[in-house]
Amino acid sequence: MKLEQLMEGVPFALVQGSLETEVTDIIYDSRKAAEGMAFVCIVGTQRDSHDYAADVVEKGASVLVIQHDLAPDVLESMPNVTVLKFDNTR
């Protein structure tokens, strides 16, 4: 399904990439990351999954859903990944 269809009616900011990106699944567990998936970064009480953004992209995730900004060098290292920013990813 196209990301644009998934995001219909949901307020977000497009940080980089395209809403035409195909998404095969939506996950929040970095261990399950694979080709074409959207990874939702969640700030938890013990861990911040934003720290795993580069790892999931390396495993093939094509979309990152973030709550706070990623370091510029992290974003630059993944130019082919679509990044969406929300006030709260939960």
PDB file of N, CA and C in Angstrom:
ATOM      1  N   MET A   1       0.837  -1.166   0.000  1.00  0.00           N
ATOM      2  CA  MET A   1       0.000   0.000   0.000  1.00  0.00           C
ATOM      3  C   MET A   1       0.891   1.242   0.000  1.00  0.00           C
ATOM      4  N   LYS A   2       0.454   2.263  -0.680  1.00  0.00           N
ATOM      5  CA  LYS A   2       1.219   3.506  -0.720  1.00  0.00           C
ATOM      6  C   LYS A   2       1.096   4.232   0.618  1.00  0.00           C
ATOM      7  N   LEU A   3       2.195   4.844   1.026  1.00  0.00           N
ATOM      8  CA  LEU A   3       2.247   5.590   2.280  1.00  0.00           C
ATOM      9  C   LEU A   3       1.193   6.684   2.305  1.00  0.00           C
ATOM     10  N   GLU A   4       0.969   7.306   1.178  1.00  0.00           N
ATOM     11  CA  GLU A   4      -0.024   8.371   1.080  1.00  0.00           C
ATOM     12  C   GLU A   4      -1.407   7.892   1.529  1.00  0.00           C
ATOM     13  N   GLN A   5      -1.762   6.667   1.179  1.00  0.00           N
ATOM     14  CA  GLN A   5      -3.047   6.101   1.577  1.00  0.00           C
ATOM     15  C   GLN A   5      -3.103   5.858   3.088  1.00  0.00           C
ATOM     16  N   LEU A   6      -2.006   5.389   3.649  1.00  0.00           N
ATOM     17  CA  LEU A   6      -1.957   5.123   5.082  1.00  0.00           C
ATOM     18  C   LEU A   6      -2.075   6.395   5.913  1.00  0.00           C
ATOM     19  N   MET A   7      -1.544   7.489   5.398  1.00  0.00           N
ATOM     20  CA  MET A   7      -1.489   8.738   6.143  1.00  0.00           C
ATOM     21  C   MET A   7      -2.687   9.647   5.906  1.00  0.00           C
ATOM     22  N   GLU A   8      -3.624   9.213   5.106  1.00  0.00           N
ATOM     23  CA  GLU A   8      -4.786  10.037   4.784  1.00  0.00           C
ATOM     24  C   GLU A   8      -5.526  10.468   6.053  1.00  0.00           C
ATOM     25  N   GLY A   9      -5.672  11.788   6.219  1.00  0.00           N
ATOM     26  CA  GLY A   9      -6.398  12.338   7.360  1.00  0.00           C
ATOM     27  C   GLY A   9      -5.602  12.419   8.648  1.00  0.00           C
ATOM     28  N   VAL A  10      -4.325  12.069   8.614  1.00  0.00           N
ATOM     29  CA  VAL A  10      -3.482  12.087   9.810  1.00  0.00           C
ATOM     30  C   VAL A  10      -2.488  13.246   9.683  1.00  0.00           C
ATOM     31  N   PRO A  11      -2.439  14.151  10.680  1.00  0.00           N
ATOM     32  CA  PRO A  11      -1.496  15.276  10.598  1.00  0.00           C
ATOM     33  C   PRO A  11      -0.048  14.825  10.868  1.00  0.00           C
ATOM     34  N   PHE A  12       0.845  15.190   9.959  1.00  0.00           N
ATOM     35  CA  PHE A  12       2.262  14.842  10.085  1.00  0.00           C
ATOM     36  C   PHE A  12       3.074  15.833   9.259  1.00  0.00           C
ATOM     37  N   ALA A  13       4.381  15.778   9.424  1.00  0.00           N
ATOM     38  CA  ALA A  13       5.292  16.585   8.604  1.00  0.00           C
ATOM     39  C   ALA A  13       6.176  15.629   7.814  1.00  0.00           C
ATOM     40  N   LEU A  14       6.307  15.877   6.518  1.00  0.00           N
ATOM     41  CA  LEU A  14       7.197  15.083   5.677  1.00  0.00           C
ATOM     42  C   LEU A  14       8.588  15.679   5.783  1.00  0.00           C
ATOM     43  N   VAL A  15       9.510  14.957   6.418  1.00  0.00           N
ATOM     44  CA  VAL A  15      10.871  15.437   6.620  1.00  0.00           C
ATOM     45  C   VAL A  15      11.708  15.210   5.371  1.00  0.00           C
ATOM     46  N   GLN A  16      11.576  14.038   4.793  1.00  0.00           N
ATOM     47  CA  GLN A  16      12.272  13.716   3.550  1.00  0.00           C
ATOM     48  C   GLN A  16      11.600  12.530   2.895  1.00  0.00           C
ATOM     49  N   GLY A  17      11.819  12.403   1.593  1.00  0.00           N
ATOM     50  CA  GLY A  17      11.294  11.256   0.871  1.00  0.00           C
ATOM     51  C   GLY A  17       9.992  11.547   0.153  1.00  0.00           C
ATOM     52  N   SER A  18       9.261  10.475  -0.137  1.00  0.00           N
ATOM     53  CA  SER A  18       8.057  10.563  -0.949  1.00  0.00           C
ATOM     54  C   SER A  18       6.903   9.799  -0.318  1.00  0.00           C
ATOM     55  N   LEU A  19       5.706  10.364  -0.439  1.00  0.00           N
ATOM     56  CA  LEU A  19       4.505   9.676   0.028  1.00  0.00           C
ATOM     57  C   LEU A  19       4.076   8.570  -0.922  1.00  0.00           C
ATOM     58  N   GLU A  20       4.776   8.452  -2.044  1.00  0.00           N
ATOM     59  CA  GLU A  20       4.501   7.388  -3.010  1.00  0.00           C
ATOM     60  C   GLU A  20       5.205   6.083  -2.630  1.00  0.00           C
ATOM     61  N   THR A  21       5.945   6.089  -1.546  1.00  0.00           N
ATOM     62  CA  THR A  21       6.670   4.911  -1.072  1.00  0.00           C
ATOM     63  C   THR A  21       5.700   3.783  -0.746  1.00  0.00           C
ATOM     64  N   GLU A  22       6.019   2.584  -1.206  1.00  0.00           N
ATOM     65  CA  GLU A  22       5.220   1.399  -0.892  1.00  0.00           C
ATOM     66  C   GLU A  22       5.588   0.884   0.503  1.00  0.00           C
ATOM     67  N   VAL A  23       4.584   0.532   1.280  1.00  0.00           N
ATOM     68  CA  VAL A  23       4.794   0.017   2.632  1.00  0.00           C
ATOM     69  C   VAL A  23       4.169  -1.375   2.719  1.00  0.00           C
ATOM     70  N   THR A  24       4.966  -2.344   3.149  1.00  0.00           N
ATOM     71  CA  THR A  24       4.474  -3.717   3.259  1.00  0.00           C
ATOM     72  C   THR A  24       3.928  -4.038   4.645  1.00  0.00           C
ATOM     73  N   ASP A  25       4.424  -3.318   5.671  1.00  0.00           N
ATOM     74  CA  ASP A  25       3.990  -3.565   7.042  1.00  0.00           C
ATOM     75  C   ASP A  25       4.439  -2.392   7.903  1.00  0.00           C
ATOM     76  N   ILE A  26       3.823  -2.245   9.066  1.00  0.00           N
ATOM     77  CA  ILE A  26       4.202  -1.215  10.030  1.00  0.00           C
ATOM     78  C   ILE A  26       4.641  -1.920  11.299  1.00  0.00           C
ATOM     79  N   ILE A  27       5.837  -1.568  11.783  1.00  0.00           N
ATOM     80  CA  ILE A  27       6.391  -2.235  12.963  1.00  0.00           C
ATOM     81  C   ILE A  27       6.953  -1.207  13.941  1.00  0.00           C
ATOM     82  N   TYR A  28       7.148  -1.625  15.178  1.00  0.00           N
ATOM     83  CA  TYR A  28       7.829  -0.802  16.168  1.00  0.00           C
ATOM     84  C   TYR A  28       8.928  -1.595  16.881  1.00  0.00           C
ATOM     85  N   ASP A  29       9.087  -2.853  16.523  1.00  0.00           N
ATOM     86  CA  ASP A  29      10.143  -3.712  17.074  1.00  0.00           C
ATOM     87  C   ASP A  29      11.268  -3.783  16.042  1.00  0.00           C
ATOM     88  N   SER A  30      12.404  -3.185  16.348  1.00  0.00           N
ATOM     89  CA  SER A  30      13.509  -3.103  15.384  1.00  0.00           C
ATOM     90  C   SER A  30      14.019  -4.474  14.957  1.00  0.00           C
ATOM     91  N   ARG A  31      13.823  -5.483  15.775  1.00  0.00           N
ATOM     92  CA  ARG A  31      14.289  -6.827  15.432  1.00  0.00           C
ATOM     93  C   ARG A  31      13.498  -7.428  14.271  1.00  0.00           C
ATOM     94  N   LYS A  32      12.309  -6.899  14.012  1.00  0.00           N
ATOM     95  CA  LYS A  32      11.448  -7.425  12.948  1.00  0.00           C
ATOM     96  C   LYS A  32      11.578  -6.648  11.640  1.00  0.00           C
ATOM     97  N   ALA A  33      12.474  -5.686  11.596  1.00  0.00           N
ATOM     98  CA  ALA A  33      12.621  -4.834  10.407  1.00  0.00           C
ATOM     99  C   ALA A  33      13.030  -5.652   9.190  1.00  0.00           C
ATOM    100  N   ALA A  34      12.422  -5.312   8.049  1.00  0.00           N
ATOM    101  CA  ALA A  34      12.726  -5.981   6.794  1.00  0.00           C
ATOM    102  C   ALA A  34      12.374  -5.045   5.645  1.00  0.00           C
ATOM    103  N   GLU A  35      12.657  -5.501   4.457  1.00  0.00           N
ATOM    104  CA  GLU A  35      12.442  -4.731   3.232  1.00  0.00           C
ATOM    105  C   GLU A  35      11.023  -4.173   3.140  1.00  0.00           C
ATOM    106  N   GLY A  36      10.918  -2.867   2.868  1.00  0.00           N
ATOM    107  CA  GLY A  36       9.642  -2.229   2.590  1.00  0.00           C
ATOM    108  C   GLY A  36       8.787  -1.869   3.790  1.00  0.00           C
ATOM    109  N   MET A  37       9.277  -2.084   4.985  1.00  0.00           N
ATOM    110  CA  MET A  37       8.478  -1.814   6.178  1.00  0.00           C
ATOM    111  C   MET A  37       8.604  -0.370   6.639  1.00  0.00           C
ATOM    112  N   ALA A  38       7.597   0.062   7.389  1.00  0.00           N
ATOM    113  CA  ALA A  38       7.631   1.361   8.055  1.00  0.00           C
ATOM    114  C   ALA A  38       7.930   1.097   9.527  1.00  0.00           C
ATOM    115  N   PHE A  39       8.938   1.773  10.054  1.00  0.00           N
ATOM    116  CA  PHE A  39       9.337   1.594  11.447  1.00  0.00           C
ATOM    117  C   PHE A  39       8.915   2.816  12.245  1.00  0.00           C
ATOM    118  N   VAL A  40       8.142   2.589  13.299  1.00  0.00           N
ATOM    119  CA  VAL A  40       7.677   3.665  14.166  1.00  0.00           C
ATOM    120  C   VAL A  40       8.611   3.773  15.360  1.00  0.00           C
ATOM    121  N   CYS A  41       9.279   4.908  15.474  1.00  0.00           N
ATOM    122  CA  CYS A  41      10.184   5.171  16.595  1.00  0.00           C
ATOM    123  C   CYS A  41       9.362   5.656  17.781  1.00  0.00           C
ATOM    124  N   ILE A  42       9.496   4.971  18.912  1.00  0.00           N
ATOM    125  CA  ILE A  42       8.729   5.302  20.108  1.00  0.00           C
ATOM    126  C   ILE A  42       9.688   5.613  21.248  1.00  0.00           C
ATOM    127  N   VAL A  43       9.369   6.683  21.969  1.00  0.00           N
ATOM    128  CA  VAL A  43      10.148   7.044  23.154  1.00  0.00           C
ATOM    129  C   VAL A  43       9.541   6.301  24.334  1.00  0.00           C
ATOM    130  N   GLY A  44      10.336   5.417  24.938  1.00  0.00           N
ATOM    131  CA  GLY A  44       9.856   4.637  26.070  1.00  0.00           C
ATOM    132  C   GLY A  44      10.500   5.076  27.369  1.00  0.00           C
ATOM    133  N   THR A  45      10.148   4.400  28.438  1.00  0.00           N
ATOM    134  CA  THR A  45      10.716   4.741  29.742  1.00  0.00           C
ATOM    135  C   THR A  45      12.138   4.203  29.889  1.00  0.00           C
ATOM    136  N   GLN A  46      12.448   3.111  29.199  1.00  0.00           N
ATOM    137  CA  GLN A  46      13.774   2.514  29.277  1.00  0.00           C
ATOM    138  C   GLN A  46      14.641   2.813  28.060  1.00  0.00           C
ATOM    139  N   ARG A  47      14.011   2.883  26.883  1.00  0.00           N
ATOM    140  CA  ARG A  47      14.757   3.063  25.629  1.00  0.00           C
ATOM    141  C   ARG A  47      14.012   4.016  24.704  1.00  0.00           C
ATOM    142  N   ASP A  48      14.784   4.596  23.808  1.00  0.00           N
ATOM    143  CA  ASP A  48      14.224   5.452  22.760  1.00  0.00           C
ATOM    144  C   ASP A  48      14.543   4.762  21.440  1.00  0.00           C
ATOM    145  N   SER A  49      13.524   4.266  20.757  1.00  0.00           N
ATOM    146  CA  SER A  49      13.791   3.492  19.542  1.00  0.00           C
ATOM    147  C   SER A  49      14.280   4.350  18.380  1.00  0.00           C
ATOM    148  N   HIS A  50      14.324   5.670  18.549  1.00  0.00           N
ATOM    149  CA  HIS A  50      14.974   6.523  17.548  1.00  0.00           C
ATOM    150  C   HIS A  50      16.440   6.115  17.400  1.00  0.00           C
ATOM    151  N   ASP A  51      17.007   5.561  18.479  1.00  0.00           N
ATOM    152  CA  ASP A  51      18.408   5.117  18.471  1.00  0.00           C
ATOM    153  C   ASP A  51      18.639   3.965  17.490  1.00  0.00           C
ATOM    154  N   TYR A  52      17.579   3.281  17.080  1.00  0.00           N
ATOM    155  CA  TYR A  52      17.690   2.128  16.189  1.00  0.00           C
ATOM    156  C   TYR A  52      17.345   2.461  14.739  1.00  0.00           C
ATOM    157  N   ALA A  53      17.121   3.729  14.457  1.00  0.00           N
ATOM    158  CA  ALA A  53      16.701   4.144  13.115  1.00  0.00           C
ATOM    159  C   ALA A  53      17.671   3.659  12.032  1.00  0.00           C
ATOM    160  N   ALA A  54      18.942   3.884  12.213  1.00  0.00           N
ATOM    161  CA  ALA A  54      19.923   3.469  11.205  1.00  0.00           C
ATOM    162  C   ALA A  54      19.935   1.952  11.040  1.00  0.00           C
ATOM    163  N   ASP A  55      19.756   1.218  12.125  1.00  0.00           N
ATOM    164  CA  ASP A  55      19.754  -0.249  12.061  1.00  0.00           C
ATOM    165  C   ASP A  55      18.585  -0.783  11.227  1.00  0.00           C
ATOM    166  N   VAL A  56      17.398  -0.222  11.438  1.00  0.00           N
ATOM    167  CA  VAL A  56      16.241  -0.724  10.697  1.00  0.00           C
ATOM    168  C   VAL A  56      16.323  -0.365   9.220  1.00  0.00           C
ATOM    169  N   VAL A  57      16.906   0.778   8.927  1.00  0.00           N
ATOM    170  CA  VAL A  57      17.100   1.159   7.523  1.00  0.00           C
ATOM    171  C   VAL A  57      18.087   0.203   6.867  1.00  0.00           C
ATOM    172  N   GLU A  58      19.110  -0.167   7.590  1.00  0.00           N
ATOM    173  CA  GLU A  58      20.099  -1.124   7.080  1.00  0.00           C
ATOM    174  C   GLU A  58      19.436  -2.475   6.782  1.00  0.00           C
ATOM    175  N   LYS A  59      18.397  -2.825   7.541  1.00  0.00           N
ATOM    176  CA  LYS A  59      17.668  -4.077   7.325  1.00  0.00           C
ATOM    177  C   LYS A  59      16.623  -3.964   6.216  1.00  0.00           C
ATOM    178  N   GLY A  60      16.439  -2.750   5.683  1.00  0.00           N
ATOM    179  CA  GLY A  60      15.544  -2.591   4.545  1.00  0.00           C
ATOM    180  C   GLY A  60      14.303  -1.745   4.758  1.00  0.00           C
ATOM    181  N   ALA A  61      14.084  -1.233   5.967  1.00  0.00           N
ATOM    182  CA  ALA A  61      12.911  -0.386   6.196  1.00  0.00           C
ATOM    183  C   ALA A  61      12.945   0.803   5.249  1.00  0.00           C
ATOM    184  N   SER A  62      11.806   1.134   4.667  1.00  0.00           N
ATOM    185  CA  SER A  62      11.763   2.226   3.689  1.00  0.00           C
ATOM    186  C   SER A  62      11.139   3.495   4.248  1.00  0.00           C
ATOM    187  N   VAL A  63      10.529   3.398   5.440  1.00  0.00           N
ATOM    188  CA  VAL A  63       9.892   4.554   6.065  1.00  0.00           C
ATOM    189  C   VAL A  63      10.242   4.573   7.551  1.00  0.00           C
ATOM    190  N   LEU A  64      10.565   5.768   8.047  1.00  0.00           N
ATOM    191  CA  LEU A  64      10.748   5.979   9.480  1.00  0.00           C
ATOM    192  C   LEU A  64       9.691   6.961   9.939  1.00  0.00           C
ATOM    193  N   VAL A  65       9.039   6.635  11.045  1.00  0.00           N
ATOM    194  CA  VAL A  65       8.069   7.520  11.671  1.00  0.00           C
ATOM    195  C   VAL A  65       8.716   7.988  12.968  1.00  0.00           C
ATOM    196  N   ILE A  66       8.977   9.287  13.061  1.00  0.00           N
ATOM    197  CA  ILE A  66       9.728   9.808  14.201  1.00  0.00           C
ATOM    198  C   ILE A  66       8.901  10.803  15.016  1.00  0.00           C
ATOM    199  N   GLN A  67       9.342  10.986  16.255  1.00  0.00           N
ATOM    200  CA  GLN A  67       8.700  11.942  17.155  1.00  0.00           C
ATOM    201  C   GLN A  67       9.618  13.131  17.405  1.00  0.00           C
ATOM    202  N   HIS A  68      10.920  12.895  17.408  1.00  0.00           N
ATOM    203  CA  HIS A  68      11.858  14.009  17.545  1.00  0.00           C
ATOM    204  C   HIS A  68      12.909  13.904  16.449  1.00  0.00           C
ATOM    205  N   ASP A  69      13.572  15.001  16.195  1.00  0.00           N
ATOM    206  CA  ASP A  69      14.525  15.058  15.090  1.00  0.00           C
ATOM    207  C   ASP A  69      15.654  14.054  15.266  1.00  0.00           C
ATOM    208  N   LEU A  70      16.084  13.510  14.137  1.00  0.00           N
ATOM    209  CA  LEU A  70      17.268  12.661  14.107  1.00  0.00           C
ATOM    210  C   LEU A  70      18.462  13.549  13.800  1.00  0.00           C
ATOM    211  N   ALA A  71      19.627  13.124  14.204  1.00  0.00           N
ATOM    212  CA  ALA A  71      20.842  13.887  13.920  1.00  0.00           C
ATOM    213  C   ALA A  71      20.991  14.049  12.407  1.00  0.00           C
ATOM    214  N   PRO A  72      21.444  15.215  11.950  1.00  0.00           N
ATOM    215  CA  PRO A  72      21.591  15.452  10.503  1.00  0.00           C
ATOM    216  C   PRO A  72      22.430  14.397   9.799  1.00  0.00           C
ATOM    217  N   ASP A  73      23.485  13.908  10.440  1.00  0.00           N
ATOM    218  CA  ASP A  73      24.325  12.899   9.802  1.00  0.00           C
ATOM    219  C   ASP A  73      23.577  11.573   9.637  1.00  0.00           C
ATOM    220  N   VAL A  74      22.641  11.283  10.545  1.00  0.00           N
ATOM    221  CA  VAL A  74      21.840  10.065  10.427  1.00  0.00           C
ATOM    222  C   VAL A  74      20.915  10.194   9.218  1.00  0.00           C
ATOM    223  N   LEU A  75      20.238  11.326   9.089  1.00  0.00           N
ATOM    224  CA  LEU A  75      19.350  11.538   7.945  1.00  0.00           C
ATOM    225  C   LEU A  75      20.115  11.511   6.628  1.00  0.00           C
ATOM    226  N   GLU A  76      21.285  12.117   6.592  1.00  0.00           N
ATOM    227  CA  GLU A  76      22.094  12.147   5.372  1.00  0.00           C
ATOM    228  C   GLU A  76      22.541  10.751   4.958  1.00  0.00           C
ATOM    229  N   SER A  77      22.675   9.858   5.929  1.00  0.00           N
ATOM    230  CA  SER A  77      23.130   8.501   5.626  1.00  0.00           C
ATOM    231  C   SER A  77      22.016   7.624   5.047  1.00  0.00           C
ATOM    232  N   MET A  78      20.790   8.144   4.996  1.00  0.00           N
ATOM    233  CA  MET A  78      19.660   7.368   4.483  1.00  0.00           C
ATOM    234  C   MET A  78      18.805   8.208   3.535  1.00  0.00           C
ATOM    235  N   PRO A  79      19.398   8.659   2.428  1.00  0.00           N
ATOM    236  CA  PRO A  79      18.673   9.557   1.515  1.00  0.00           C
ATOM    237  C   PRO A  79      17.474   8.922   0.812  1.00  0.00           C
ATOM    238  N   ASN A  80      17.420   7.614   0.719  1.00  0.00           N
ATOM    239  CA  ASN A  80      16.323   6.937   0.013  1.00  0.00           C
ATOM    240  C   ASN A  80      15.183   6.517   0.937  1.00  0.00           C
ATOM    241  N   VAL A  81      15.231   6.960   2.182  1.00  0.00           N
ATOM    242  CA  VAL A  81      14.217   6.594   3.160  1.00  0.00           C
ATOM    243  C   VAL A  81      13.261   7.767   3.367  1.00  0.00           C
ATOM    244  N   THR A  82      11.975   7.464   3.406  1.00  0.00           N
ATOM    245  CA  THR A  82      10.976   8.491   3.697  1.00  0.00           C
ATOM    246  C   THR A  82      10.859   8.629   5.208  1.00  0.00           C
ATOM    247  N   VAL A  83      10.892   9.870   5.679  1.00  0.00           N
ATOM    248  CA  VAL A  83      10.819  10.144   7.114  1.00  0.00           C
ATOM    249  C   VAL A  83       9.618  11.048   7.383  1.00  0.00           C
ATOM    250  N   LEU A  84       8.738  10.578   8.260  1.00  0.00           N
ATOM    251  CA  LEU A  84       7.564  11.337   8.669  1.00  0.00           C
ATOM    252  C   LEU A  84       7.702  11.703  10.134  1.00  0.00           C
ATOM    253  N   LYS A  85       7.347  12.934  10.475  1.00  0.00           N
ATOM    254  CA  LYS A  85       7.444  13.369  11.869  1.00  0.00           C
ATOM    255  C   LYS A  85       6.056  13.671  12.416  1.00  0.00           C
ATOM    256  N   PHE A  86       5.808  13.150  13.617  1.00  0.00           N
ATOM    257  CA  PHE A  86       4.544  13.336  14.324  1.00  0.00           C
ATOM    258  C   PHE A  86       4.835  13.980  15.674  1.00  0.00           C
ATOM    259  N   ASP A  87       3.838  14.646  16.245  1.00  0.00           N
ATOM    260  CA  ASP A  87       3.992  15.191  17.593  1.00  0.00           C
ATOM    261  C   ASP A  87       4.188  14.072  18.596  1.00  0.00           C
ATOM    262  N   ASN A  88       3.476  12.971  18.386  1.00  0.00           N
ATOM    263  CA  ASN A  88       3.573  11.834  19.288  1.00  0.00           C
ATOM    264  C   ASN A  88       3.381  10.567  18.461  1.00  0.00           C
ATOM    265  N   THR A  89       4.359   9.694  18.430  1.00  0.00           N
ATOM    266  CA  THR A  89       4.277   8.493  17.605  1.00  0.00           C
ATOM    267  C   THR A  89       3.413   7.395  18.237  1.00  0.00           C
ATOM    268  N   ARG A  90       3.076   7.539  19.466  1.00  0.00           N
ATOM    269  CA  ARG A  90       2.185   6.543  20.085  1.00  0.00           C
ATOM    270  C   ARG A  90       0.806   6.678  19.511  1.00  0.00           C
TER     271      ARG A  90
END
